[in-house]
Amino acid sequence: MAIQLYWHTRNFDTQKVERFFKERRIPFQSVDLRRHRLGQREVEAFIRGSSPRAILDLDSNKVKSHPVAYTNSTQAIVAYILEQPGLLRSPIVRSGQQIIIGYDETRLGAITE
């Protein structure tokens, strides 16, 4: 099963996830969201794996000043993310139907077994 690592900023959590996979020699595909456009099905898969608001980087001032931070509509959140993937929390790890948002060593270990 292929593991994909989606990111738009090389923040500390993104670096920790990359290091986690490299130290264990686990192959993964790194997807830079500044170069790769997300499809609607990908965003919907992220939401199914967590929740609509959990995929947003609500700690970021950019997101707090955007209307997406104040909506609960899944369709609106998907539309905003398709326009601006920088609103997503980074990193997002996807392995099949399993989605991990941020760095969670326990869950990362579970998907690699």
Protein backbone atom coordinates (compact mmCIF):
# COMPACT_ATOMS: atom_id res chain seq x y z
CA MET A 1 0.00 0.00 0.00
CA ALA A 2 1.39 3.37 -1.03
CA ILE A 3 1.83 6.06 1.59
CA GLN A 4 1.39 9.66 0.52
CA LEU A 5 2.59 12.67 2.50
CA TYR A 6 0.75 15.88 1.57
CA TRP A 7 2.30 19.16 2.72
CA HIS A 8 2.41 22.83 1.78
CA THR A 9 4.93 24.10 4.32
CA ARG A 10 7.99 22.36 5.63
CA ASN A 11 7.02 22.88 9.23
CA PHE A 12 8.35 20.90 12.18
CA ASP A 13 5.60 18.25 11.98
CA THR A 14 6.22 17.67 8.28
CA GLN A 15 9.92 17.17 8.95
CA LYS A 16 9.16 14.74 11.81
CA VAL A 17 6.89 12.64 9.59
CA GLU A 18 9.51 12.52 6.83
CA ARG A 19 12.17 11.53 9.36
CA PHE A 20 9.85 8.84 10.81
CA PHE A 21 9.48 7.20 7.39
CA LYS A 22 13.13 7.59 6.38
CA GLU A 23 14.49 6.15 9.65
CA ARG A 24 12.31 3.06 9.20
CA ARG A 25 13.05 2.84 5.44
CA ILE A 26 9.35 3.07 4.62
CA PRO A 27 8.77 4.24 1.05
CA PHE A 28 6.43 7.20 0.71
CA GLN A 29 5.40 9.71 -1.91
CA SER A 30 5.87 13.36 -0.97
CA VAL A 31 3.21 15.64 -2.47
CA ASP A 32 3.99 19.37 -2.39
CA LEU A 33 0.61 21.14 -2.51
CA ARG A 34 2.19 24.26 -3.97
CA ARG A 35 2.92 22.25 -7.14
CA HIS A 36 0.23 19.57 -7.11
CA ARG A 37 -3.42 20.57 -7.35
CA LEU A 38 -5.75 18.58 -5.16
CA GLY A 39 -8.82 17.00 -6.65
CA GLN A 40 -12.24 17.11 -5.07
CA ARG A 41 -12.13 13.38 -4.30
CA GLU A 42 -8.80 13.78 -2.47
CA VAL A 43 -10.17 16.59 -0.27
CA GLU A 44 -13.33 14.60 0.42
CA ALA A 45 -11.18 11.60 1.40
CA PHE A 46 -9.29 13.82 3.88
CA ILE A 47 -12.61 14.90 5.38
CA ARG A 48 -13.96 11.32 5.56
CA GLY A 49 -10.78 10.34 7.41
CA SER A 50 -11.26 13.04 10.03
CA SER A 51 -13.76 15.90 9.98
CA PRO A 52 -14.24 19.04 7.86
CA ARG A 53 -12.79 21.45 10.41
CA ALA A 54 -9.96 19.11 11.51
CA ILE A 55 -8.23 19.43 8.14
CA LEU A 56 -8.01 23.23 8.46
CA ASP A 57 -4.99 24.89 10.04
CA LEU A 58 -7.06 26.89 12.54
CA ASP A 59 -3.89 28.08 14.33
CA SER A 60 -2.75 30.00 11.26
CA ASN A 61 -3.59 33.70 11.02
CA LYS A 62 -4.15 33.23 7.29
CA VAL A 63 -6.92 30.72 8.02
CA LYS A 64 -8.38 32.72 10.92
CA SER A 65 -8.85 35.72 8.62
CA HIS A 66 -10.47 33.59 5.90
CA PRO A 67 -14.24 32.85 5.80
CA VAL A 68 -13.52 29.10 5.83
CA ALA A 69 -12.63 29.34 9.53
CA TYR A 70 -16.21 30.29 10.37
CA THR A 71 -18.21 27.79 8.33
CA ASN A 72 -19.36 24.28 9.16
CA SER A 73 -20.50 23.50 5.62
CA THR A 74 -18.51 20.60 4.21
CA GLN A 75 -19.16 21.73 0.63
CA ALA A 76 -17.91 25.26 1.38
CA ILE A 77 -14.77 23.91 3.07
CA VAL A 78 -14.05 21.62 0.09
CA ALA A 79 -14.51 24.54 -2.33
CA TYR A 80 -12.19 26.83 -0.33
CA ILE A 81 -9.50 24.13 -0.07
CA LEU A 82 -9.63 23.41 -3.79
CA GLU A 83 -8.98 27.11 -4.39
CA GLN A 84 -6.35 27.51 -1.66
CA PRO A 85 -4.70 24.28 -0.43
CA GLY A 86 -2.58 26.41 1.93
CA LEU A 87 -5.59 26.41 4.28
CA LEU A 88 -4.96 22.74 5.09
CA ARG A 89 -3.14 21.57 8.16
CA SER A 90 0.23 20.23 7.22
CA PRO A 91 1.19 17.39 6.96
CA ILE A 92 -1.54 14.97 5.94
CA VAL A 93 -0.55 11.31 5.61
CA ARG A 94 -2.73 9.03 3.51
CA SER A 95 -2.45 5.27 3.29
CA GLY A 96 -5.43 3.83 1.44
CA GLN A 97 -8.53 5.02 3.28
CA GLN A 98 -6.62 5.89 6.46
CA ILE A 99 -5.85 9.58 7.00
CA ILE A 100 -3.52 11.04 9.63
CA ILE A 101 -3.43 14.80 10.08
CA GLY A 102 -0.33 16.19 11.74
CA TYR A 103 2.32 14.11 13.48
CA ASP A 104 0.97 11.18 15.50
CA GLU A 105 3.71 8.59 16.02
CA THR A 106 1.33 5.93 17.35
CA ARG A 107 -0.97 6.11 14.32
CA LEU A 108 1.97 6.37 11.91
CA GLY A 109 3.40 3.18 13.39
CA ALA A 110 0.03 1.44 12.98
CA ILE A 111 -0.25 2.20 9.25
CA THR A 112 3.27 1.01 8.54
CA GLU A 113 2.83 -2.43 10.10
